[in-house]
């Protein structure tokens, strides 16, 4: 299962979540506005940056952004 770190003001986060729902993929969404304590995890993955969306795959690899686009906070 994938974990998605998202922010409601990030259009790429919204597109990613919509696409995952359309394809029926199972994922956990962590909304960083609701759960800001997870920013530390995002910052660790993004070398200190606050970017969304961030996708963590079941094998532990991750991707910053969706379709090559990410928002900086």
C-alpha atoms as a PDB file:
ATOM      1  CA  UNK A   1       0.000   0.000   0.000  1.00  0.00           C
ATOM      2  CA  UNK A   2       1.188   3.523  -0.774  1.00  0.00           C
ATOM      3  CA  UNK A   3       1.346   6.398   1.662  1.00  0.00           C
ATOM      4  CA  UNK A   4       0.629   9.853   0.293  1.00  0.00           C
ATOM      5  CA  UNK A   5       1.580  13.048   2.089  1.00  0.00           C
ATOM      6  CA  UNK A   6      -0.715  15.742   0.730  1.00  0.00           C
ATOM      7  CA  UNK A   7      -1.864  19.283   1.360  1.00  0.00           C
ATOM      8  CA  UNK A   8      -5.331  20.600   0.406  1.00  0.00           C
ATOM      9  CA  UNK A   9      -3.821  23.708  -1.240  1.00  0.00           C
ATOM     10  CA  UNK A  10      -1.704  21.546  -3.555  1.00  0.00           C
ATOM     11  CA  UNK A  11      -3.361  20.838  -6.906  1.00  0.00           C
ATOM     12  CA  UNK A  12      -0.931  17.997  -7.623  1.00  0.00           C
ATOM     13  CA  UNK A  13      -1.970  16.327  -4.369  1.00  0.00           C
ATOM     14  CA  UNK A  14      -5.608  16.532  -5.404  1.00  0.00           C
ATOM     15  CA  UNK A  15      -4.874  15.113  -8.876  1.00  0.00           C
ATOM     16  CA  UNK A  16      -2.821  12.250  -7.416  1.00  0.00           C
ATOM     17  CA  UNK A  17      -5.522  11.290  -4.919  1.00  0.00           C
ATOM     18  CA  UNK A  18      -8.225  11.468  -7.598  1.00  0.00           C
ATOM     19  CA  UNK A  19      -6.174   9.245  -9.925  1.00  0.00           C
ATOM     20  CA  UNK A  20      -5.456   6.694  -7.177  1.00  0.00           C
ATOM     21  CA  UNK A  21      -9.153   6.509  -6.368  1.00  0.00           C
ATOM     22  CA  UNK A  22     -10.029   6.112 -10.059  1.00  0.00           C
ATOM     23  CA  UNK A  23      -7.630   3.201 -10.457  1.00  0.00           C
ATOM     24  CA  UNK A  24      -8.794   1.593  -7.212  1.00  0.00           C
ATOM     25  CA  UNK A  25      -5.330   1.570  -5.658  1.00  0.00           C
ATOM     26  CA  UNK A  26      -5.140   1.261  -1.910  1.00  0.00           C
ATOM     27  CA  UNK A  27      -3.362   4.133  -0.222  1.00  0.00           C
ATOM     28  CA  UNK A  28      -3.125   5.990   3.038  1.00  0.00           C
ATOM     29  CA  UNK A  29      -3.472   9.748   2.752  1.00  0.00           C
ATOM     30  CA  UNK A  30      -1.830  11.944   5.356  1.00  0.00           C
ATOM     31  CA  UNK A  31      -3.193  15.478   5.065  1.00  0.00           C
ATOM     32  CA  UNK A  32      -0.409  17.735   6.344  1.00  0.00           C
ATOM     33  CA  UNK A  33      -2.830  20.529   7.198  1.00  0.00           C
ATOM     34  CA  UNK A  34      -4.677  18.198   9.571  1.00  0.00           C
ATOM     35  CA  UNK A  35      -1.589  16.296  10.795  1.00  0.00           C
ATOM     36  CA  UNK A  36       1.281  18.836  10.684  1.00  0.00           C
ATOM     37  CA  UNK A  37       3.517  16.628  12.841  1.00  0.00           C
ATOM     38  CA  UNK A  38       4.248  14.632   9.644  1.00  0.00           C
ATOM     39  CA  UNK A  39       6.044  17.599   8.055  1.00  0.00           C
ATOM     40  CA  UNK A  40       9.197  16.294   9.740  1.00  0.00           C
ATOM     41  CA  UNK A  41       8.921  13.066   7.713  1.00  0.00           C
ATOM     42  CA  UNK A  42       8.429  15.051   4.507  1.00  0.00           C
ATOM     43  CA  UNK A  43      11.381  17.315   5.321  1.00  0.00           C
ATOM     44  CA  UNK A  44      13.600  14.256   5.865  1.00  0.00           C
ATOM     45  CA  UNK A  45      12.646  12.856   2.467  1.00  0.00           C
ATOM     46  CA  UNK A  46      12.945  16.223   0.679  1.00  0.00           C
ATOM     47  CA  UNK A  47      16.321  17.169   2.195  1.00  0.00           C
ATOM     48  CA  UNK A  48      14.815  19.869   4.385  1.00  0.00           C
ATOM     49  CA  UNK A  49      12.152  21.064   1.950  1.00  0.00           C
ATOM     50  CA  UNK A  50       8.409  21.074   2.439  1.00  0.00           C
ATOM     51  CA  UNK A  51       7.003  19.650  -0.783  1.00  0.00           C
ATOM     52  CA  UNK A  52       3.769  17.886  -1.661  1.00  0.00           C
ATOM     53  CA  UNK A  53       2.687  15.438  -2.759  1.00  0.00           C
ATOM     54  CA  UNK A  54       5.143  12.832  -1.561  1.00  0.00           C
ATOM     55  CA  UNK A  55       4.380   9.196  -2.319  1.00  0.00           C
ATOM     56  CA  UNK A  56       6.021   6.405  -0.332  1.00  0.00           C
ATOM     57  CA  UNK A  57       5.741   3.030  -2.021  1.00  0.00           C
ATOM     58  CA  UNK A  58       5.401  -0.289  -0.209  1.00  0.00           C
ATOM     59  CA  UNK A  59       9.056  -1.136  -0.922  1.00  0.00           C
ATOM     60  CA  UNK A  60      10.212   2.042   0.880  1.00  0.00           C
ATOM     61  CA  UNK A  61      11.103   4.040  -2.217  1.00  0.00           C
ATOM     62  CA  UNK A  62       9.485   7.414  -2.657  1.00  0.00           C
ATOM     63  CA  UNK A  63       8.608  10.059  -5.214  1.00  0.00           C
ATOM     64  CA  UNK A  64       8.281  13.783  -4.699  1.00  0.00           C
ATOM     65  CA  UNK A  65       5.611  15.376  -6.870  1.00  0.00           C
ATOM     66  CA  UNK A  66       3.081  13.984  -9.280  1.00  0.00           C
ATOM     67  CA  UNK A  67       3.553  14.031 -13.044  1.00  0.00           C
ATOM     68  CA  UNK A  68       6.693  16.054 -12.431  1.00  0.00           C
ATOM     69  CA  UNK A  69       4.934  18.767 -10.416  1.00  0.00           C
ATOM     70  CA  UNK A  70       5.161  19.504  -6.686  1.00  0.00           C
ATOM     71  CA  UNK A  71       4.134  22.406  -4.496  1.00  0.00           C
ATOM     72  CA  UNK A  72       6.528  24.003  -2.043  1.00  0.00           C
ATOM     73  CA  UNK A  73       5.279  25.095   1.382  1.00  0.00           C
END
